[in-house]
Amino acid sequence: MSDSHQHTRTQAHAHHGASSAGWGMAVSATLHCLTGCAIGEVLGMVIGTALGWGDVPTIALAVVLAFFFGYALGMRGVLRAGLRFRQALRVALAADTVSITVMEIVDNGVMLAIPNAMEAPLDSPVFWGSLAVAFAVAFVVTAPVNKWLIGRGKGHAVAHSYRH
């Protein structure tokens, strides 16, 4: 299938999905995003904390890994639907960039705002509790963003059109 044909298919399906955008789809999209972000965030925070890195390099690593795992999970579904790697990457970028960005800004902001969260050792309830709170707040903030995007045929509506 040519890229232009796939683009037209994506627009048609995404527009159709726009009319049916509900909270269920937004929550599902946000949970999908949270999964990739959480894998990357936890890995980055654990590595940075274990190595004694400061806040900035630890957060930078966590953000890079969150985007990597978020995009990888996003690509997985559309690759299974038969898209080639390059097209699957384009779909993942379109579907996940805003969601991951919002989630990363919020969860890292919360981690920085909680006293001693970034300095807590890995075996501390403060570290893990703060991370859990950060993910919960990021989910609550990101779900309406995803609902808004999906309602306009953007974000996860793009990837959803290939999976269904």
N, C-alpha and C. Protein backbone atom coordinates (compact mmCIF):
# COMPACT_ATOMS: atom_id res chain seq x y z
N MET A 1 0.85 -1.17 0.00
CA MET A 1 0.00 0.00 0.00
C MET A 1 0.90 1.24 0.00
N SER A 2 0.60 2.20 -0.85
CA SER A 2 1.42 3.40 -0.93
C SER A 2 1.20 4.28 0.30
N ASP A 3 2.19 5.12 0.58
CA ASP A 3 2.09 6.03 1.72
C ASP A 3 0.90 6.97 1.58
N SER A 4 0.63 7.45 0.33
CA SER A 4 -0.48 8.37 0.15
C SER A 4 -1.82 7.66 0.37
N HIS A 5 -1.91 6.39 -0.05
CA HIS A 5 -3.14 5.63 0.19
C HIS A 5 -3.32 5.39 1.69
N GLN A 6 -2.22 5.05 2.37
CA GLN A 6 -2.30 4.83 3.82
C GLN A 6 -2.67 6.12 4.54
N HIS A 7 -2.13 7.26 4.06
CA HIS A 7 -2.43 8.54 4.70
C HIS A 7 -3.93 8.84 4.56
N THR A 8 -4.48 8.60 3.37
CA THR A 8 -5.91 8.83 3.16
C THR A 8 -6.73 7.90 4.05
N ARG A 9 -6.32 6.63 4.14
CA ARG A 9 -7.00 5.66 5.01
C ARG A 9 -6.96 6.13 6.45
N THR A 10 -5.80 6.61 6.89
CA THR A 10 -5.65 7.09 8.26
C THR A 10 -6.58 8.26 8.52
N GLN A 11 -6.64 9.22 7.59
CA GLN A 11 -7.50 10.39 7.77
C GLN A 11 -8.96 9.97 7.85
N ALA A 12 -9.38 9.07 6.98
CA ALA A 12 -10.78 8.63 6.97
C ALA A 12 -11.13 7.91 8.27
N HIS A 13 -10.27 6.98 8.69
CA HIS A 13 -10.53 6.25 9.92
C HIS A 13 -10.43 7.14 11.14
N ALA A 14 -9.44 8.02 11.15
CA ALA A 14 -9.28 8.91 12.30
C ALA A 14 -10.47 9.84 12.41
N HIS A 15 -10.96 10.33 11.27
CA HIS A 15 -12.12 11.21 11.31
C HIS A 15 -13.35 10.46 11.81
N HIS A 16 -13.52 9.21 11.35
CA HIS A 16 -14.64 8.40 11.84
C HIS A 16 -14.51 8.19 13.34
N GLY A 17 -13.28 7.91 13.81
CA GLY A 17 -13.05 7.70 15.25
C GLY A 17 -13.31 8.95 16.05
N ALA A 18 -13.20 10.12 15.41
CA ALA A 18 -13.42 11.37 16.11
C ALA A 18 -14.84 11.47 16.63
N SER A 19 -15.79 10.93 15.87
CA SER A 19 -17.18 11.03 16.30
C SER A 19 -17.50 10.10 17.47
N SER A 20 -16.67 9.07 17.67
CA SER A 20 -16.97 8.11 18.72
C SER A 20 -15.98 8.21 19.89
N ALA A 21 -15.28 9.31 19.99
CA ALA A 21 -14.30 9.46 21.05
C ALA A 21 -15.00 9.60 22.39
N GLY A 22 -14.75 8.64 23.25
CA GLY A 22 -15.32 8.69 24.58
C GLY A 22 -14.24 8.52 25.61
N TRP A 23 -14.66 8.54 26.86
CA TRP A 23 -13.70 8.39 27.94
C TRP A 23 -13.05 7.02 27.94
N GLY A 24 -13.78 5.98 27.52
CA GLY A 24 -13.20 4.63 27.48
C GLY A 24 -11.99 4.57 26.57
N MET A 25 -12.10 5.16 25.39
CA MET A 25 -10.98 5.17 24.46
C MET A 25 -9.85 6.05 24.98
N ALA A 26 -10.19 7.15 25.61
CA ALA A 26 -9.16 8.04 26.17
C ALA A 26 -8.42 7.36 27.32
N VAL A 27 -9.16 6.67 28.17
CA VAL A 27 -8.52 5.96 29.29
C VAL A 27 -7.62 4.85 28.76
N SER A 28 -8.10 4.11 27.76
CA SER A 28 -7.30 3.05 27.15
C SER A 28 -6.01 3.62 26.55
N ALA A 29 -6.13 4.72 25.82
CA ALA A 29 -4.96 5.36 25.21
C ALA A 29 -3.99 5.84 26.28
N THR A 30 -4.53 6.38 27.36
CA THR A 30 -3.68 6.90 28.43
C THR A 30 -2.98 5.76 29.18
N LEU A 31 -3.69 4.67 29.39
CA LEU A 31 -3.05 3.50 30.02
C LEU A 31 -1.94 2.94 29.13
N HIS A 32 -2.18 2.94 27.83
CA HIS A 32 -1.15 2.50 26.88
C HIS A 32 0.08 3.40 27.00
N CYS A 33 -0.16 4.68 27.01
CA CYS A 33 0.92 5.66 27.13
C CYS A 33 1.64 5.50 28.46
N LEU A 34 0.85 5.35 29.53
CA LEU A 34 1.42 5.20 30.87
C LEU A 34 2.32 3.97 30.96
N THR A 35 1.94 2.90 30.29
CA THR A 35 2.75 1.67 30.32
C THR A 35 4.15 1.92 29.77
N GLY A 36 4.22 2.50 28.58
CA GLY A 36 5.53 2.79 27.98
C GLY A 36 6.32 3.80 28.80
N CYS A 37 5.62 4.84 29.26
CA CYS A 37 6.28 5.86 30.07
C CYS A 37 6.79 5.27 31.38
N ALA A 38 5.98 4.45 32.00
CA ALA A 38 6.37 3.87 33.29
C ALA A 38 7.59 2.97 33.14
N ILE A 39 7.63 2.17 32.09
CA ILE A 39 8.80 1.30 31.88
C ILE A 39 10.05 2.17 31.76
N GLY A 40 9.98 3.18 30.91
CA GLY A 40 11.14 4.06 30.71
C GLY A 40 11.48 4.88 31.94
N GLU A 41 10.46 5.44 32.59
CA GLU A 41 10.67 6.26 33.78
C GLU A 41 11.32 5.44 34.90
N VAL A 42 10.74 4.29 35.19
CA VAL A 42 11.27 3.47 36.28
C VAL A 42 12.70 3.07 35.97
N LEU A 43 12.94 2.60 34.75
CA LEU A 43 14.29 2.21 34.38
C LEU A 43 15.26 3.38 34.49
N GLY A 44 14.87 4.53 33.96
CA GLY A 44 15.74 5.71 34.04
C GLY A 44 15.98 6.19 35.45
N MET A 45 14.92 6.22 36.26
CA MET A 45 15.06 6.65 37.66
C MET A 45 15.92 5.66 38.46
N VAL A 46 15.72 4.39 38.22
CA VAL A 46 16.51 3.37 38.93
C VAL A 46 17.98 3.47 38.54
N ILE A 47 18.26 3.58 37.24
CA ILE A 47 19.65 3.68 36.79
C ILE A 47 20.29 4.95 37.34
N GLY A 48 19.62 6.10 37.18
CA GLY A 48 20.19 7.36 37.66
C GLY A 48 20.39 7.38 39.16
N THR A 49 19.42 6.84 39.90
CA THR A 49 19.53 6.81 41.37
C THR A 49 20.64 5.85 41.80
N ALA A 50 20.70 4.67 41.16
CA ALA A 50 21.72 3.68 41.52
C ALA A 50 23.13 4.19 41.24
N LEU A 51 23.26 5.00 40.20
CA LEU A 51 24.58 5.54 39.85
C LEU A 51 24.90 6.85 40.58
N GLY A 52 23.96 7.33 41.39
CA GLY A 52 24.18 8.55 42.15
C GLY A 52 24.15 9.81 41.31
N TRP A 53 23.47 9.77 40.17
CA TRP A 53 23.38 10.93 39.31
C TRP A 53 22.51 12.00 39.94
N GLY A 54 22.68 13.22 39.50
CA GLY A 54 21.84 14.32 39.95
C GLY A 54 20.48 14.27 39.26
N ASP A 55 19.63 15.22 39.62
CA ASP A 55 18.26 15.26 39.09
C ASP A 55 18.22 15.39 37.57
N VAL A 56 19.00 16.30 37.02
CA VAL A 56 18.91 16.58 35.58
C VAL A 56 19.31 15.37 34.73
N PRO A 57 20.47 14.75 34.96
CA PRO A 57 20.79 13.59 34.11
C PRO A 57 19.85 12.40 34.34
N THR A 58 19.38 12.23 35.58
CA THR A 58 18.45 11.13 35.86
C THR A 58 17.13 11.34 35.12
N ILE A 59 16.60 12.55 35.19
CA ILE A 59 15.35 12.86 34.50
C ILE A 59 15.55 12.77 33.00
N ALA A 60 16.67 13.25 32.49
CA ALA A 60 16.93 13.19 31.04
C ALA A 60 16.92 11.73 30.57
N LEU A 61 17.60 10.85 31.30
CA LEU A 61 17.61 9.44 30.94
C LEU A 61 16.20 8.85 31.02
N ALA A 62 15.48 9.17 32.07
CA ALA A 62 14.13 8.65 32.24
C ALA A 62 13.22 9.11 31.10
N VAL A 63 13.33 10.36 30.68
CA VAL A 63 12.50 10.88 29.60
C VAL A 63 12.84 10.20 28.27
N VAL A 64 14.13 10.09 27.98
CA VAL A 64 14.54 9.42 26.73
C VAL A 64 14.02 7.99 26.70
N LEU A 65 14.16 7.28 27.80
CA LEU A 65 13.68 5.89 27.85
C LEU A 65 12.16 5.82 27.80
N ALA A 66 11.48 6.78 28.40
CA ALA A 66 10.01 6.80 28.35
C ALA A 66 9.54 6.97 26.91
N PHE A 67 10.15 7.88 26.17
CA PHE A 67 9.78 8.05 24.76
C PHE A 67 10.12 6.80 23.96
N PHE A 68 11.28 6.22 24.20
CA PHE A 68 11.68 5.01 23.48
C PHE A 68 10.66 3.89 23.69
N PHE A 69 10.36 3.59 24.96
CA PHE A 69 9.42 2.50 25.24
C PHE A 69 7.99 2.86 24.83
N GLY A 70 7.62 4.11 24.97
CA GLY A 70 6.29 4.53 24.53
C GLY A 70 6.10 4.35 23.04
N TYR A 71 7.09 4.79 22.26
CA TYR A 71 7.01 4.62 20.81
C TYR A 71 7.10 3.14 20.42
N ALA A 72 7.94 2.39 21.11
CA ALA A 72 8.08 0.96 20.81
C ALA A 72 6.75 0.23 21.02
N LEU A 73 6.07 0.53 22.12
CA LEU A 73 4.77 -0.10 22.36
C LEU A 73 3.74 0.36 21.33
N GLY A 74 3.79 1.63 20.96
CA GLY A 74 2.87 2.14 19.95
C GLY A 74 3.10 1.49 18.60
N MET A 75 4.34 1.24 18.26
CA MET A 75 4.66 0.62 16.98
C MET A 75 4.25 -0.85 16.95
N ARG A 76 4.32 -1.50 18.09
CA ARG A 76 4.04 -2.94 18.15
C ARG A 76 2.68 -3.28 17.54
N GLY A 77 1.66 -2.54 17.92
CA GLY A 77 0.32 -2.82 17.41
C GLY A 77 0.17 -2.59 15.92
N VAL A 78 0.74 -1.51 15.43
CA VAL A 78 0.57 -1.21 14.00
C VAL A 78 1.49 -2.07 13.13
N LEU A 79 2.61 -2.53 13.67
CA LEU A 79 3.44 -3.49 12.94
C LEU A 79 2.68 -4.80 12.78
N ARG A 80 1.98 -5.21 13.83
CA ARG A 80 1.16 -6.43 13.76
C ARG A 80 0.04 -6.28 12.72
N ALA A 81 -0.40 -5.05 12.51
CA ALA A 81 -1.46 -4.81 11.53
C ALA A 81 -0.93 -4.82 10.10
N GLY A 82 0.39 -4.97 9.93
CA GLY A 82 0.97 -5.11 8.60
C GLY A 82 1.73 -3.92 8.07
N LEU A 83 1.87 -2.86 8.84
CA LEU A 83 2.62 -1.70 8.35
C LEU A 83 4.11 -2.01 8.36
N ARG A 84 4.79 -1.39 7.43
CA ARG A 84 6.25 -1.49 7.41
C ARG A 84 6.82 -0.62 8.53
N PHE A 85 8.06 -0.86 8.90
CA PHE A 85 8.68 -0.19 10.05
C PHE A 85 8.60 1.33 9.94
N ARG A 86 8.98 1.88 8.80
CA ARG A 86 9.01 3.34 8.65
C ARG A 86 7.61 3.95 8.83
N GLN A 87 6.58 3.32 8.23
CA GLN A 87 5.22 3.82 8.37
C GLN A 87 4.73 3.64 9.81
N ALA A 88 5.09 2.51 10.43
CA ALA A 88 4.70 2.26 11.82
C ALA A 88 5.31 3.31 12.74
N LEU A 89 6.55 3.71 12.47
CA LEU A 89 7.20 4.76 13.26
C LEU A 89 6.45 6.08 13.09
N ARG A 90 6.05 6.41 11.87
CA ARG A 90 5.29 7.65 11.64
C ARG A 90 3.97 7.63 12.40
N VAL A 91 3.29 6.49 12.38
CA VAL A 91 2.03 6.38 13.10
C VAL A 91 2.26 6.53 14.60
N ALA A 92 3.30 5.88 15.13
CA ALA A 92 3.59 5.98 16.57
C ALA A 92 3.93 7.42 16.96
N LEU A 93 4.69 8.10 16.13
CA LEU A 93 5.03 9.50 16.41
C LEU A 93 3.77 10.35 16.43
N ALA A 94 2.88 10.16 15.46
CA ALA A 94 1.64 10.92 15.41
C ALA A 94 0.72 10.58 16.57
N ALA A 95 0.68 9.31 16.93
CA ALA A 95 -0.26 8.85 17.95
C ALA A 95 0.19 9.18 19.37
N ASP A 96 1.50 9.15 19.62
CA ASP A 96 1.97 9.15 21.00
C ASP A 96 2.75 10.37 21.46
N THR A 97 3.21 11.21 20.57
CA THR A 97 4.11 12.30 20.96
C THR A 97 3.48 13.26 21.98
N VAL A 98 2.29 13.74 21.71
CA VAL A 98 1.68 14.70 22.63
C VAL A 98 1.39 14.03 23.98
N SER A 99 0.84 12.83 23.93
CA SER A 99 0.50 12.11 25.16
C SER A 99 1.74 11.85 26.02
N ILE A 100 2.80 11.35 25.41
CA ILE A 100 4.03 11.08 26.16
C ILE A 100 4.62 12.38 26.70
N THR A 101 4.60 13.43 25.89
CA THR A 101 5.16 14.71 26.33
C THR A 101 4.43 15.24 27.56
N VAL A 102 3.10 15.23 27.52
CA VAL A 102 2.32 15.70 28.67
C VAL A 102 2.62 14.83 29.89
N MET A 103 2.60 13.51 29.67
CA MET A 103 2.84 12.61 30.78
C MET A 103 4.23 12.84 31.40
N GLU A 104 5.22 13.03 30.58
CA GLU A 104 6.59 13.23 31.08
C GLU A 104 6.73 14.56 31.83
N ILE A 105 6.14 15.60 31.30
CA ILE A 105 6.21 16.89 31.99
C ILE A 105 5.56 16.79 33.37
N VAL A 106 4.39 16.17 33.41
CA VAL A 106 3.66 16.09 34.68
C VAL A 106 4.36 15.16 35.66
N ASP A 107 4.70 13.94 35.23
CA ASP A 107 5.25 13.02 36.24
C ASP A 107 6.63 13.45 36.73
N ASN A 108 7.44 14.03 35.87
CA ASN A 108 8.74 14.52 36.35
C ASN A 108 8.57 15.77 37.21
N GLY A 109 7.61 16.61 36.86
CA GLY A 109 7.33 17.78 37.70
C GLY A 109 6.88 17.38 39.09
N VAL A 110 6.03 16.36 39.17
CA VAL A 110 5.57 15.87 40.47
C VAL A 110 6.75 15.30 41.26
N MET A 111 7.58 14.52 40.59
CA MET A 111 8.76 13.95 41.29
C MET A 111 9.64 15.05 41.86
N LEU A 112 9.83 16.12 41.09
CA LEU A 112 10.65 17.22 41.57
C LEU A 112 9.97 18.00 42.70
N ALA A 113 8.64 18.03 42.68
CA ALA A 113 7.90 18.79 43.69
C ALA A 113 7.79 18.06 45.04
N ILE A 114 7.88 16.74 45.03
CA ILE A 114 7.77 15.99 46.28
C ILE A 114 9.12 16.04 46.99
N PRO A 115 9.14 16.59 48.20
CA PRO A 115 10.41 16.70 48.92
C PRO A 115 11.11 15.36 49.08
N ASN A 116 12.38 15.33 48.76
CA ASN A 116 13.27 14.17 48.91
C ASN A 116 12.98 13.01 47.96
N ALA A 117 12.05 13.15 47.05
CA ALA A 117 11.72 12.04 46.14
C ALA A 117 12.91 11.67 45.25
N MET A 118 13.57 12.67 44.71
CA MET A 118 14.68 12.41 43.79
C MET A 118 15.95 11.97 44.52
N GLU A 119 16.03 12.28 45.79
CA GLU A 119 17.23 11.92 46.56
C GLU A 119 17.05 10.60 47.31
N ALA A 120 15.84 10.08 47.34
CA ALA A 120 15.54 8.87 48.12
C ALA A 120 16.24 7.67 47.49
N PRO A 121 16.75 6.77 48.33
CA PRO A 121 17.38 5.55 47.81
C PRO A 121 16.33 4.60 47.22
N LEU A 122 16.79 3.66 46.41
CA LEU A 122 15.90 2.75 45.72
C LEU A 122 15.07 1.87 46.65
N ASP A 123 15.57 1.63 47.84
CA ASP A 123 14.82 0.78 48.78
C ASP A 123 13.91 1.59 49.70
N SER A 124 13.69 2.84 49.35
CA SER A 124 12.88 3.72 50.18
C SER A 124 11.43 3.78 49.70
N PRO A 125 10.49 3.72 50.63
CA PRO A 125 9.09 3.92 50.26
C PRO A 125 8.84 5.33 49.69
N VAL A 126 9.68 6.28 50.07
CA VAL A 126 9.54 7.64 49.54
C VAL A 126 9.77 7.63 48.02
N PHE A 127 10.79 6.93 47.58
CA PHE A 127 11.09 6.86 46.14
C PHE A 127 9.92 6.23 45.38
N TRP A 128 9.51 5.03 45.79
CA TRP A 128 8.47 4.29 45.07
C TRP A 128 7.10 4.92 45.25
N GLY A 129 6.82 5.43 46.43
CA GLY A 129 5.54 6.11 46.65
C GLY A 129 5.42 7.38 45.82
N SER A 130 6.52 8.13 45.75
CA SER A 130 6.52 9.35 44.94
C SER A 130 6.33 9.04 43.47
N LEU A 131 6.99 8.00 43.01
CA LEU A 131 6.85 7.59 41.62
C LEU A 131 5.40 7.17 41.32
N ALA A 132 4.79 6.45 42.23
CA ALA A 132 3.39 6.04 42.05
C ALA A 132 2.46 7.25 42.02
N VAL A 133 2.69 8.19 42.92
CA VAL A 133 1.87 9.41 42.93
C VAL A 133 2.08 10.20 41.63
N ALA A 134 3.32 10.29 41.19
CA ALA A 134 3.63 11.01 39.95
C ALA A 134 2.91 10.38 38.76
N PHE A 135 2.90 9.06 38.67
CA PHE A 135 2.20 8.39 37.58
C PHE A 135 0.70 8.61 37.66
N ALA A 136 0.16 8.56 38.86
CA ALA A 136 -1.29 8.77 39.03
C ALA A 136 -1.70 10.18 38.60
N VAL A 137 -0.94 11.17 39.02
CA VAL A 137 -1.25 12.55 38.64
C VAL A 137 -1.10 12.72 37.12
N ALA A 138 -0.03 12.15 36.56
CA ALA A 138 0.18 12.24 35.12
C ALA A 138 -0.98 11.59 34.35
N PHE A 139 -1.48 10.48 34.85
CA PHE A 139 -2.62 9.82 34.20
C PHE A 139 -3.84 10.72 34.20
N VAL A 140 -4.14 11.31 35.37
CA VAL A 140 -5.33 12.17 35.50
C VAL A 140 -5.23 13.39 34.59
N VAL A 141 -4.05 13.94 34.43
CA VAL A 141 -3.86 15.11 33.57
C VAL A 141 -3.88 14.72 32.09
N THR A 142 -3.30 13.57 31.75
CA THR A 142 -3.14 13.18 30.36
C THR A 142 -4.43 12.61 29.74
N ALA A 143 -5.27 11.97 30.52
CA ALA A 143 -6.50 11.36 29.97
C ALA A 143 -7.38 12.39 29.24
N PRO A 144 -7.65 13.56 29.82
CA PRO A 144 -8.46 14.54 29.07
C PRO A 144 -7.75 15.06 27.81
N VAL A 145 -6.43 15.13 27.85
CA VAL A 145 -5.68 15.54 26.66
C VAL A 145 -5.90 14.51 25.55
N ASN A 146 -5.79 13.22 25.92
CA ASN A 146 -6.02 12.16 24.92
C ASN A 146 -7.45 12.17 24.41
N LYS A 147 -8.41 12.42 25.28
CA LYS A 147 -9.81 12.48 24.85
C LYS A 147 -9.98 13.61 23.84
N TRP A 148 -9.41 14.74 24.13
CA TRP A 148 -9.49 15.89 23.22
C TRP A 148 -8.85 15.56 21.87
N LEU A 149 -7.65 14.95 21.89
CA LEU A 149 -6.96 14.59 20.65
C LEU A 149 -7.77 13.58 19.84
N ILE A 150 -8.23 12.54 20.50
CA ILE A 150 -8.99 11.49 19.82
C ILE A 150 -10.27 12.07 19.22
N GLY A 151 -10.90 12.97 19.94
CA GLY A 151 -12.11 13.61 19.45
C GLY A 151 -11.90 14.42 18.18
N ARG A 152 -10.67 14.75 17.90
CA ARG A 152 -10.33 15.50 16.69
C ARG A 152 -9.63 14.63 15.65
N GLY A 153 -9.65 13.31 15.88
CA GLY A 153 -9.02 12.39 14.92
C GLY A 153 -7.52 12.37 15.00
N LYS A 154 -6.97 12.83 16.12
CA LYS A 154 -5.51 12.90 16.30
C LYS A 154 -5.10 11.90 17.39
N GLY A 155 -3.81 11.91 17.73
CA GLY A 155 -3.32 11.06 18.82
C GLY A 155 -3.60 9.59 18.55
N HIS A 156 -4.12 8.92 19.54
CA HIS A 156 -4.34 7.48 19.44
C HIS A 156 -5.40 7.10 18.42
N ALA A 157 -6.20 8.04 17.97
CA ALA A 157 -7.17 7.74 16.92
C ALA A 157 -6.45 7.31 15.64
N VAL A 158 -5.27 7.86 15.41
CA VAL A 158 -4.48 7.52 14.23
C VAL A 158 -4.06 6.05 14.31
N ALA A 159 -3.48 5.64 15.42
CA ALA A 159 -3.03 4.25 15.57
C ALA A 159 -4.22 3.31 15.62
N HIS A 160 -5.29 3.74 16.27
CA HIS A 160 -6.48 2.91 16.42
C HIS A 160 -7.05 2.53 15.04
N SER A 161 -6.94 3.42 14.07
CA SER A 161 -7.49 3.15 12.73
C SER A 161 -6.78 1.99 12.05
N TYR A 162 -5.54 1.71 12.43
CA TYR A 162 -4.80 0.59 11.84
C TYR A 162 -5.05 -0.72 12.57
N ARG A 163 -5.40 -0.63 13.83
CA ARG A 163 -5.57 -1.84 14.63
C ARG A 163 -6.96 -2.44 14.49
N HIS A 164 -7.92 -1.63 14.05
CA HIS A 164 -9.30 -2.12 14.00
C HIS A 164 -9.91 -1.96 12.64
